[in-house]
N, C-alpha and C. Protein backbone atom coordinates (compact mmCIF):
# COMPACT_ATOMS: atom_id res chain seq x y z
N MET A 1 197.08 124.56 0.62
CA MET A 1 198.47 124.62 0.07
C MET A 1 198.91 123.11 -0.39
N LYS A 2 199.08 123.01 -1.77
CA LYS A 2 199.71 121.74 -2.11
C LYS A 2 201.09 121.62 -2.00
N LEU A 3 201.47 120.69 -1.27
CA LEU A 3 202.85 120.41 -1.00
C LEU A 3 203.49 119.29 -1.81
N GLN A 4 204.71 119.39 -2.17
CA GLN A 4 205.54 118.43 -2.84
C GLN A 4 206.65 118.18 -2.09
N PHE A 5 207.40 116.88 -2.01
CA PHE A 5 208.52 116.69 -1.26
C PHE A 5 209.24 115.88 -2.47
N ARG A 6 210.62 116.46 -2.85
CA ARG A 6 211.32 115.87 -3.94
C ARG A 6 212.69 116.16 -3.76
N LYS A 7 213.51 115.20 -4.45
CA LYS A 7 214.98 115.46 -4.36
C LYS A 7 215.34 116.78 -4.70
N ALA A 8 216.42 117.36 -4.23
CA ALA A 8 216.87 118.75 -4.63
C ALA A 8 217.80 118.48 -5.77
N VAL A 9 218.09 119.36 -6.47
CA VAL A 9 219.18 119.70 -7.55
C VAL A 9 220.09 120.75 -7.39
N PRO A 10 221.35 120.77 -7.88
CA PRO A 10 222.37 121.57 -7.56
C PRO A 10 221.90 123.00 -7.73
N GLU A 11 221.34 123.27 -8.74
CA GLU A 11 220.84 124.79 -9.06
C GLU A 11 220.07 125.42 -7.82
N GLU A 12 219.58 124.45 -7.00
CA GLU A 12 218.55 125.07 -5.84
C GLU A 12 219.35 125.22 -4.53
N ILE A 13 220.66 125.11 -4.55
CA ILE A 13 221.54 125.21 -3.39
C ILE A 13 221.52 126.74 -2.83
N PRO A 14 221.37 127.76 -3.71
CA PRO A 14 221.35 128.96 -3.23
C PRO A 14 220.01 129.30 -2.31
N VAL A 15 218.97 128.86 -2.75
CA VAL A 15 217.74 128.83 -2.07
C VAL A 15 217.70 128.05 -0.82
N ILE A 16 218.23 126.84 -0.87
CA ILE A 16 218.33 126.03 0.17
C ILE A 16 219.15 126.59 1.30
N TRP A 17 220.21 127.12 0.85
CA TRP A 17 221.30 127.66 1.67
C TRP A 17 220.70 128.89 2.46
N GLU A 18 219.93 129.60 1.90
CA GLU A 18 219.23 130.91 2.37
C GLU A 18 218.21 130.45 3.61
N ILE A 19 217.34 129.22 3.29
CA ILE A 19 216.44 128.72 4.27
C ILE A 19 217.22 128.08 5.41
N LEU A 20 218.35 127.57 5.15
CA LEU A 20 219.20 127.08 6.30
C LEU A 20 219.69 128.23 7.10
N GLN A 21 220.21 129.28 6.40
CA GLN A 21 220.76 130.43 7.24
C GLN A 21 219.61 131.10 7.93
N GLN A 22 218.27 131.00 7.57
CA GLN A 22 217.32 131.58 8.41
C GLN A 22 217.11 130.78 9.61
N ALA A 23 217.16 129.38 9.44
CA ALA A 23 216.90 128.64 10.48
C ALA A 23 218.11 128.76 11.57
N ILE A 24 219.34 128.78 11.13
CA ILE A 24 220.52 129.06 11.88
C ILE A 24 220.35 130.38 12.91
N ARG A 25 219.90 131.34 12.11
CA ARG A 25 219.67 132.60 12.79
C ARG A 25 218.49 132.51 13.98
N ARG A 26 217.50 131.79 13.47
CA ARG A 26 216.38 131.58 14.47
C ARG A 26 216.83 130.81 15.69
N ARG A 27 217.63 129.78 15.55
CA ARG A 27 218.24 128.97 16.50
C ARG A 27 218.97 129.82 17.33
N LYS A 28 219.77 130.78 16.77
CA LYS A 28 220.63 131.71 17.66
C LYS A 28 219.80 132.72 18.46
N SER A 29 218.78 133.16 17.79
CA SER A 29 217.84 134.13 18.45
C SER A 29 217.04 133.50 19.40
N ASP A 30 216.93 132.34 19.52
CA ASP A 30 216.13 131.53 20.61
C ASP A 30 217.14 131.15 21.66
N GLY A 31 218.50 131.49 21.38
CA GLY A 31 219.30 131.16 22.62
C GLY A 31 219.79 129.68 22.43
N SER A 32 219.61 129.06 21.30
CA SER A 32 220.17 127.68 21.24
C SER A 32 221.70 127.69 20.84
N ASN A 33 222.34 126.66 21.05
CA ASN A 33 223.58 126.30 20.64
C ASN A 33 223.66 125.54 19.39
N GLN A 34 222.52 124.88 19.04
CA GLN A 34 222.36 124.12 17.66
C GLN A 34 222.51 124.83 16.67
N TRP A 35 223.43 124.35 15.67
CA TRP A 35 223.69 125.09 14.35
C TRP A 35 224.46 126.28 14.55
N GLN A 36 225.26 126.50 15.63
CA GLN A 36 226.00 127.79 15.91
C GLN A 36 227.48 127.54 15.61
N ASP A 37 227.94 126.30 15.16
CA ASP A 37 229.42 126.05 15.02
C ASP A 37 229.91 125.81 13.72
N GLY A 38 229.17 126.64 12.61
CA GLY A 38 229.54 126.36 11.26
C GLY A 38 228.95 125.22 10.59
N TYR A 39 228.04 124.51 11.19
CA TYR A 39 227.30 123.44 10.67
C TYR A 39 225.89 123.62 10.90
N PRO A 40 225.02 123.34 9.73
CA PRO A 40 225.25 123.07 8.47
C PRO A 40 225.78 124.11 7.64
N ASN A 41 226.50 123.85 6.58
CA ASN A 41 227.06 124.90 5.72
C ASN A 41 226.75 124.38 4.14
N ARG A 42 227.20 125.39 3.29
CA ARG A 42 226.99 124.96 1.96
C ARG A 42 227.59 123.71 1.24
N ASP A 43 228.75 123.30 1.87
CA ASP A 43 229.43 122.16 1.59
C ASP A 43 228.61 121.04 2.09
N VAL A 44 227.99 121.04 3.15
CA VAL A 44 227.04 119.86 3.64
C VAL A 44 225.95 119.86 2.64
N VAL A 45 225.43 120.92 2.23
CA VAL A 45 224.17 120.77 1.30
C VAL A 45 224.57 120.24 0.08
N GLN A 46 225.75 120.64 -0.47
CA GLN A 46 226.19 120.16 -1.82
C GLN A 46 226.46 118.66 -1.56
N GLY A 47 227.00 118.28 -0.44
CA GLY A 47 227.19 116.76 -0.27
C GLY A 47 225.86 116.08 -0.25
N ASP A 48 224.99 116.60 0.35
CA ASP A 48 223.59 115.92 0.50
C ASP A 48 223.08 115.76 -1.14
N ILE A 49 223.19 116.79 -1.92
CA ILE A 49 222.63 116.60 -3.26
C ILE A 49 223.49 115.76 -4.10
N ASP A 50 224.80 115.86 -3.88
CA ASP A 50 225.81 114.85 -4.58
C ASP A 50 225.40 113.28 -4.19
N ARG A 51 224.94 113.05 -2.91
CA ARG A 51 224.66 111.66 -2.54
C ARG A 51 223.18 111.41 -2.86
N GLY A 52 222.43 112.30 -3.33
CA GLY A 52 221.06 112.07 -3.59
C GLY A 52 220.12 111.98 -2.46
N VAL A 53 220.59 112.63 -1.22
CA VAL A 53 219.71 112.59 -0.01
C VAL A 53 219.15 113.88 0.36
N GLY A 54 219.45 114.92 -0.44
CA GLY A 54 218.83 116.42 -0.22
C GLY A 54 217.68 116.50 -0.72
N PHE A 55 216.54 116.89 0.07
CA PHE A 55 215.20 117.03 -0.41
C PHE A 55 214.67 118.28 -0.05
N VAL A 56 213.66 118.76 -1.05
CA VAL A 56 213.08 120.11 -0.71
C VAL A 56 211.50 119.89 -0.61
N LEU A 57 210.92 120.69 0.21
CA LEU A 57 209.52 120.97 0.37
C LEU A 57 209.15 122.12 -0.49
N THR A 58 208.17 121.92 -1.43
CA THR A 58 207.81 123.01 -2.31
C THR A 58 206.23 123.18 -2.12
N THR A 59 205.98 124.29 -2.52
CA THR A 59 204.46 124.66 -2.74
C THR A 59 204.54 125.65 -3.98
N ASN A 60 203.50 125.36 -5.07
CA ASN A 60 203.66 126.03 -6.10
C ASN A 60 204.92 126.49 -6.70
N ASP A 61 205.69 125.33 -6.69
CA ASP A 61 207.15 125.45 -7.29
C ASP A 61 208.09 126.22 -6.51
N ALA A 62 207.72 126.76 -5.36
CA ALA A 62 208.54 127.61 -4.56
C ALA A 62 209.23 126.63 -3.31
N ILE A 63 210.52 126.76 -3.26
CA ILE A 63 211.04 125.85 -2.03
C ILE A 63 210.80 126.52 -0.75
N ILE A 64 210.30 125.91 -0.02
CA ILE A 64 209.86 126.32 1.35
C ILE A 64 210.42 125.56 2.57
N GLY A 65 211.27 124.57 2.12
CA GLY A 65 211.82 123.73 3.23
C GLY A 65 212.92 122.82 2.74
N TYR A 66 213.70 122.21 3.55
CA TYR A 66 214.74 121.43 3.33
C TYR A 66 215.00 120.39 4.43
N SER A 67 215.53 119.15 3.81
CA SER A 67 216.02 118.17 4.81
C SER A 67 216.87 117.20 4.01
N ALA A 68 217.55 116.49 4.74
CA ALA A 68 218.34 115.34 4.26
C ALA A 68 217.54 113.97 4.71
N VAL A 69 217.41 113.05 3.84
CA VAL A 69 216.64 111.89 4.11
C VAL A 69 217.56 110.69 3.67
N ILE A 70 218.08 110.05 4.73
CA ILE A 70 219.23 109.09 4.40
C ILE A 70 218.91 107.70 4.95
N ILE A 71 219.10 106.67 4.15
CA ILE A 71 218.94 105.39 4.55
C ILE A 71 220.11 104.67 5.22
N ASN A 72 220.01 104.22 6.38
CA ASN A 72 221.01 103.46 7.15
C ASN A 72 222.36 103.98 7.22
N ASP A 73 222.53 105.33 7.11
CA ASP A 73 223.94 105.85 7.16
C ASP A 73 224.05 107.00 8.09
N GLU A 74 224.17 106.61 9.41
CA GLU A 74 224.44 107.70 10.44
C GLU A 74 225.20 106.88 11.30
N PRO A 75 226.45 106.88 11.33
CA PRO A 75 227.35 106.21 12.10
C PRO A 75 227.24 106.60 13.60
N GLU A 76 226.92 107.69 13.95
CA GLU A 76 226.68 108.13 15.35
C GLU A 76 225.55 107.35 15.91
N TYR A 77 224.50 107.00 15.11
CA TYR A 77 223.46 106.25 15.78
C TYR A 77 223.64 104.93 16.34
N ALA A 78 224.68 104.29 15.71
CA ALA A 78 225.24 103.14 16.35
C ALA A 78 225.68 103.21 17.66
N ARG A 79 226.18 104.37 18.12
CA ARG A 79 226.69 104.57 19.45
C ARG A 79 225.73 105.26 20.40
N ILE A 80 224.45 105.08 20.19
CA ILE A 80 223.41 105.62 20.99
C ILE A 80 223.63 105.29 22.45
N ARG A 81 223.45 106.32 23.21
CA ARG A 81 223.46 106.08 24.76
C ARG A 81 222.03 105.89 25.11
N GLY A 82 221.69 104.51 25.09
CA GLY A 82 220.20 104.31 25.20
C GLY A 82 219.92 103.14 24.24
N ARG A 83 218.85 102.97 23.69
CA ARG A 83 218.38 101.76 22.97
C ARG A 83 217.39 102.25 21.74
N TRP A 84 217.57 101.86 20.54
CA TRP A 84 216.67 102.01 19.56
C TRP A 84 215.61 100.95 19.70
N ASN A 85 214.47 101.31 19.20
CA ASN A 85 213.34 100.50 19.39
C ASN A 85 213.24 99.22 18.31
N THR A 86 214.11 99.45 17.28
CA THR A 86 214.08 98.33 16.21
C THR A 86 215.67 98.17 15.89
N ASN A 87 215.99 97.09 15.27
CA ASN A 87 217.28 96.72 14.98
C ASN A 87 217.64 96.74 13.48
N GLY A 88 216.61 96.88 12.53
CA GLY A 88 216.81 96.74 11.17
C GLY A 88 217.17 98.06 10.53
N ASP A 89 216.78 98.02 9.27
CA ASP A 89 216.95 99.24 8.33
C ASP A 89 216.17 100.43 9.03
N PHE A 90 216.66 101.55 8.69
CA PHE A 90 216.00 102.94 9.11
C PHE A 90 216.41 104.04 8.12
N VAL A 91 215.44 105.00 8.13
CA VAL A 91 215.51 106.04 7.54
C VAL A 91 215.86 107.13 8.59
N VAL A 92 216.95 108.03 8.39
CA VAL A 92 217.22 109.09 9.28
C VAL A 92 216.96 110.53 8.69
N ILE A 93 216.47 111.41 9.29
CA ILE A 93 216.12 112.75 8.77
C ILE A 93 217.04 113.75 9.60
N HIS A 94 217.83 114.48 8.85
CA HIS A 94 218.59 115.49 9.24
C HIS A 94 218.47 116.93 8.65
N ARG A 95 218.82 117.84 9.39
CA ARG A 95 218.74 119.19 8.77
C ARG A 95 217.39 119.70 8.30
N ILE A 96 216.28 119.43 9.22
CA ILE A 96 215.07 120.01 8.75
C ILE A 96 214.97 121.60 8.97
N ALA A 97 214.75 122.27 7.92
CA ALA A 97 214.61 123.69 7.98
C ALA A 97 213.49 124.25 7.10
N ILE A 98 212.71 125.19 7.68
CA ILE A 98 211.64 125.78 7.03
C ILE A 98 211.81 127.19 6.83
N SER A 99 211.47 127.84 5.44
CA SER A 99 211.66 129.22 5.41
C SER A 99 210.70 130.07 6.36
N ASP A 100 211.37 131.31 6.64
CA ASP A 100 210.81 132.10 7.59
C ASP A 100 209.19 132.40 7.28
N GLY A 101 209.08 132.53 6.02
CA GLY A 101 207.70 132.83 5.54
C GLY A 101 206.61 131.85 5.78
N TYR A 102 207.10 130.54 6.21
CA TYR A 102 206.09 129.58 6.23
C TYR A 102 206.14 128.89 7.61
N LEU A 103 206.68 129.57 8.66
CA LEU A 103 206.82 129.07 10.02
C LEU A 103 205.25 128.97 10.46
N GLY A 104 205.23 128.01 11.47
CA GLY A 104 203.90 128.05 12.23
C GLY A 104 202.81 127.26 11.45
N GLN A 105 203.14 126.43 10.39
CA GLN A 105 202.13 125.76 9.69
C GLN A 105 202.26 124.42 9.81
N GLY A 106 203.05 123.77 10.59
CA GLY A 106 203.35 122.41 10.77
C GLY A 106 204.08 121.74 9.60
N LEU A 107 205.01 122.54 8.97
CA LEU A 107 205.69 122.07 7.76
C LEU A 107 206.81 121.25 8.10
N ALA A 108 207.38 121.35 9.30
CA ALA A 108 208.49 120.27 9.64
C ALA A 108 207.83 119.00 9.88
N GLY A 109 206.63 119.04 10.57
CA GLY A 109 206.00 117.65 10.54
C GLY A 109 205.54 117.00 9.20
N GLU A 110 205.18 118.00 8.36
CA GLU A 110 204.94 117.33 6.86
C GLU A 110 206.27 116.84 6.38
N ILE A 111 207.36 117.44 6.50
CA ILE A 111 208.53 116.84 6.16
C ILE A 111 208.89 115.37 6.64
N LEU A 112 208.53 115.30 8.04
CA LEU A 112 208.66 114.00 8.54
C LEU A 112 207.54 112.99 8.11
N ASN A 113 206.52 113.46 7.76
CA ASN A 113 205.43 112.51 7.13
C ASN A 113 205.96 112.12 5.74
N PHE A 114 206.38 113.03 4.92
CA PHE A 114 207.01 112.71 3.61
C PHE A 114 208.01 111.63 3.93
N ALA A 115 208.87 111.85 4.88
CA ALA A 115 210.01 110.96 5.01
C ALA A 115 209.58 109.63 5.31
N ALA A 116 208.51 109.58 6.17
CA ALA A 116 207.88 108.23 6.61
C ALA A 116 207.28 107.57 5.27
N ASP A 117 206.66 108.28 4.36
CA ASP A 117 206.28 107.73 3.05
C ASP A 117 207.33 107.08 2.18
N PHE A 118 208.46 107.99 2.30
CA PHE A 118 209.63 107.51 1.44
C PHE A 118 210.17 106.24 2.13
N ALA A 119 210.30 106.19 3.46
CA ALA A 119 210.64 104.87 4.20
C ALA A 119 209.90 103.74 3.82
N ARG A 120 208.58 103.87 3.80
CA ARG A 120 207.74 102.76 3.48
C ARG A 120 207.83 102.36 2.06
N SER A 121 208.12 103.32 1.13
CA SER A 121 208.24 103.04 -0.30
C SER A 121 209.41 102.05 -0.51
N LYS A 122 210.46 102.24 0.46
CA LYS A 122 211.63 101.55 0.41
C LYS A 122 211.47 100.17 1.25
N GLY A 123 210.40 99.82 1.90
CA GLY A 123 210.23 98.68 2.63
C GLY A 123 210.85 98.93 4.05
N ILE A 124 211.03 100.12 4.49
CA ILE A 124 211.74 100.50 5.73
C ILE A 124 210.67 100.91 6.74
N TYR A 125 210.67 100.44 8.06
CA TYR A 125 209.60 100.82 8.92
C TYR A 125 210.16 101.50 10.07
N SER A 126 211.36 102.24 10.07
CA SER A 126 211.98 102.79 11.27
C SER A 126 212.36 104.10 10.76
N LEU A 127 211.89 105.23 11.47
CA LEU A 127 212.40 106.55 11.02
C LEU A 127 212.94 107.25 12.30
N ARG A 128 214.22 107.60 12.32
CA ARG A 128 215.00 108.17 13.30
C ARG A 128 215.29 109.60 13.12
N ALA A 129 215.53 110.29 14.19
CA ALA A 129 215.84 111.62 14.01
C ALA A 129 216.47 112.20 15.37
N ASP A 130 217.14 113.13 15.45
CA ASP A 130 217.64 113.79 16.64
C ASP A 130 217.59 115.33 16.58
N THR A 131 217.73 115.90 17.81
CA THR A 131 217.73 117.20 17.88
C THR A 131 218.40 117.75 19.26
N ASN A 132 218.64 118.90 19.26
CA ASN A 132 219.33 119.69 20.48
C ASN A 132 218.35 119.61 21.76
N TYR A 133 218.79 119.52 22.86
CA TYR A 133 217.96 119.84 24.05
C TYR A 133 217.17 121.13 24.03
N ASP A 134 217.68 122.05 23.51
CA ASP A 134 217.00 123.41 23.51
C ASP A 134 216.36 123.79 22.19
N ASN A 135 215.80 122.73 21.48
CA ASN A 135 214.97 122.97 20.26
C ASN A 135 213.44 122.44 20.55
N PRO A 136 212.79 123.21 21.44
CA PRO A 136 211.44 122.75 21.91
C PRO A 136 210.40 122.63 20.88
N ALA A 137 210.49 123.45 19.70
CA ALA A 137 209.62 123.30 18.60
C ALA A 137 209.84 121.78 17.83
N MET A 138 210.98 121.38 17.64
CA MET A 138 211.18 120.21 17.09
C MET A 138 210.88 118.99 18.08
N LEU A 139 211.22 119.30 19.23
CA LEU A 139 210.79 118.13 20.40
C LEU A 139 209.21 118.01 20.38
N ARG A 140 208.53 119.05 20.30
CA ARG A 140 207.07 118.93 20.18
C ARG A 140 206.70 118.32 18.96
N THR A 141 207.23 118.49 17.83
CA THR A 141 206.86 118.01 16.70
C THR A 141 207.03 116.45 16.76
N PHE A 142 208.31 115.97 17.07
CA PHE A 142 208.55 114.53 17.41
C PHE A 142 207.50 113.96 18.12
N LEU A 143 207.11 114.48 19.39
CA LEU A 143 206.10 113.95 20.20
C LEU A 143 204.80 113.80 19.41
N LYS A 144 204.30 115.05 18.85
CA LYS A 144 202.97 114.99 18.19
C LYS A 144 202.76 113.99 17.23
N LEU A 145 203.87 113.62 16.33
CA LEU A 145 203.97 112.77 15.49
C LEU A 145 204.13 111.16 15.85
N GLY A 146 204.48 111.02 17.17
CA GLY A 146 204.41 109.58 17.60
C GLY A 146 205.97 109.15 17.74
N PHE A 147 206.91 109.95 17.55
CA PHE A 147 208.27 109.76 17.83
C PHE A 147 208.46 109.20 19.49
N VAL A 148 209.28 108.35 19.69
CA VAL A 148 209.62 107.94 21.07
C VAL A 148 211.06 108.11 21.31
N TYR A 149 211.30 108.71 22.41
CA TYR A 149 212.82 109.03 22.98
C TYR A 149 213.39 107.71 23.18
N CYS A 150 214.67 107.60 22.71
CA CYS A 150 215.40 106.47 22.69
C CYS A 150 216.75 106.67 23.46
N GLY A 151 217.28 107.78 23.59
CA GLY A 151 218.52 108.05 24.30
C GLY A 151 219.34 109.22 23.71
N GLU A 152 220.45 109.34 23.80
CA GLU A 152 221.29 110.40 23.31
C GLU A 152 222.31 110.02 22.32
N VAL A 153 222.61 110.88 21.33
CA VAL A 153 223.73 110.59 20.36
C VAL A 153 224.47 111.75 20.42
N TYR A 154 225.70 111.75 19.95
CA TYR A 154 226.69 112.88 19.99
C TYR A 154 227.23 113.24 18.66
N PHE A 155 227.15 114.63 18.32
CA PHE A 155 227.70 115.15 17.08
C PHE A 155 228.55 116.35 17.50
N ARG A 156 229.81 116.29 16.92
CA ARG A 156 230.70 117.32 17.13
C ARG A 156 230.74 117.76 18.66
N GLY A 157 230.82 116.65 19.47
CA GLY A 157 231.06 116.84 20.84
C GLY A 157 229.75 117.21 21.76
N SER A 158 228.75 117.28 21.15
CA SER A 158 227.47 117.71 21.88
C SER A 158 226.34 116.61 21.80
N ALA A 159 225.75 116.40 22.96
CA ALA A 159 224.61 115.49 23.09
C ALA A 159 223.31 115.91 22.26
N ARG A 160 222.65 115.13 21.71
CA ARG A 160 221.45 115.22 21.01
C ARG A 160 220.45 114.35 21.58
N LEU A 161 219.13 114.65 21.55
CA LEU A 161 218.16 113.81 21.99
C LEU A 161 217.69 112.96 20.68
N ALA A 162 217.70 111.67 20.73
CA ALA A 162 217.50 110.71 19.61
C ALA A 162 216.01 110.16 19.69
N TYR A 163 215.35 110.17 18.70
CA TYR A 163 213.90 109.68 18.59
C TYR A 163 213.81 108.63 17.49
N GLU A 164 212.90 107.87 17.57
CA GLU A 164 212.41 106.80 16.65
C GLU A 164 210.90 106.68 16.59
N LYS A 165 210.61 106.52 15.37
CA LYS A 165 209.11 106.20 15.14
C LYS A 165 209.20 105.02 14.43
N VAL A 166 208.35 103.96 14.93
CA VAL A 166 208.17 102.67 14.15
C VAL A 166 206.95 102.78 13.32
N LEU A 167 207.18 102.66 12.13
CA LEU A 167 206.11 102.96 11.08
C LEU A 167 205.22 101.59 10.88
N LYS A 168 203.95 101.91 10.56
CA LYS A 168 203.13 100.71 10.26
C LYS A 168 203.27 100.42 8.77
N ASP A 169 203.19 99.18 8.46
CA ASP A 169 203.36 98.71 7.13
C ASP A 169 202.09 98.99 6.20
N GLY A 170 202.36 100.20 5.39
CA GLY A 170 201.44 100.50 4.40
C GLY A 170 200.17 101.15 5.05
N ALA A 171 200.13 101.55 6.49
CA ALA A 171 198.93 102.11 7.06
C ALA A 171 199.30 103.42 7.44
N PRO A 172 198.38 104.51 7.35
CA PRO A 172 198.67 105.92 7.69
C PRO A 172 198.87 105.81 9.19
N ASP A 173 199.80 106.74 9.70
CA ASP A 173 200.15 106.78 11.13
C ASP A 173 199.06 107.74 11.84
């Protein structure tokens, strides 16, 4: 499967929103509290695209995944209960979601790898992300890809586990 990771455009919001709704339903059926409070929503996706931080994962021109990839802009990360491994610029990945028809193929990891390439292309060597305590699939993905637990961050009153991967300069991970 040939994958492409690119910026999303406004016309793709309906497809992106459907993928996010699938992920929200999966989180609920797994018994998770993550994404069960009205977040993310279409306005969040619209804001991502308007700010140029919404990205889609595609194969054969079909959108199969979504995430936000943001440079240095996550205020909650400055209030980590713990400690990041680096102090400089970073890329944060939020809202990773894969279409139901493409689950179990390691595509969340592919999004993280594409985000790492994006970071390196900007001369940034820190990749940060967080997830809920009750998201074992994402926690496994972080550990498999070499992310290190750094502490807790809080969103909408709930703790999230925060991870960082220090990237090698120009070398594959």
